[in-house]
Amino acid sequence: SLLARSEFGGVGPPLTMGAFLNSFFSIHSSDSYPASRNPGKRTIGADFSYAIPQARNWLRIYANGLLPEDNPTNLDNSQSPIYIWQRLAIRSGMYMPRLPHLPKLDFRFESVYTDPPTARSRYGQYIYFNNFYHNLYTSDGNLVGDWVGRQGMGFQGWSTYWLRPRNSIQFAYRHAKVDSDFIPSGETITDGSVKVNWQLRPEWSLSASVQYEKWFAPILAPTVQTNVTSAVEIQFTPHRWGW
């Protein structure tokens, strides 16, 4: 609840001692509290990480789960522990700090799902949503939750080849979709990119990237749209100023 209050710059119920204590110890829905004691939005989360025993040095799998349920004591038939698993937002992935026989190449892959198969997950009013805070996990319009946002699914992968500790080439790919009951007709986006980081001298470094993107959002444009973006950055890091 403190995160929700701070990211909205104090907009909403006041932060009082009663609200602070209830955010830790209350067991009822926040809708049942007055503004002066409202604990804000509460969520249940879980993290999992496991290194494969036979490949402990080069393979790790992980997962994060988020249950957007504000009333954990209201466990009727529709909220049994089995049903709770069907309402989780899940991000899972694997990380390989080095590939077999390719010690300079790493790889990471992630998939994410924030559109669980429940009737409550409609119109963007479930994951990252609350009756008071309609845009949870945002700050000044910028997303601070998962990159896929509300009622979406997607995956991304990227691999970096390390020529030297500060010289690398990275390849990345991403694909994501948003459900049509949240955004009319839905949305789809796919992009791929290449980025090079290169240290020219001890105090000078160069970064260059190019990205190709294809997206389809009927609410914005009737046909598939594509674009290419590129960037070049030169960084100077002085070791000493000479005095």
Foldseek 3Di string as FASTA:
>chain_A
DVVQCVLAPNPFQHDDPLLVVCLPDPQAALVPDDSPNRVPFDKDKDKDKDQDVVRNQFKIKIKMKIQRDRHVVPCDPCNPPVNSVQQIWMKIKMWTCADVVGRQKIKIKMKTAQQGPDPCQFQQDGPCDDPVRGHHCAHPNHHNPDPQHHQKIWMKMKMWGPPDPQWIKMKMKIWMKHDCRHAPVTKIKIKIKMKTWAAPDPFKIKIKMKMKMWMDRCVVPVDIDIDMDMDMDMGGDDPDDPD
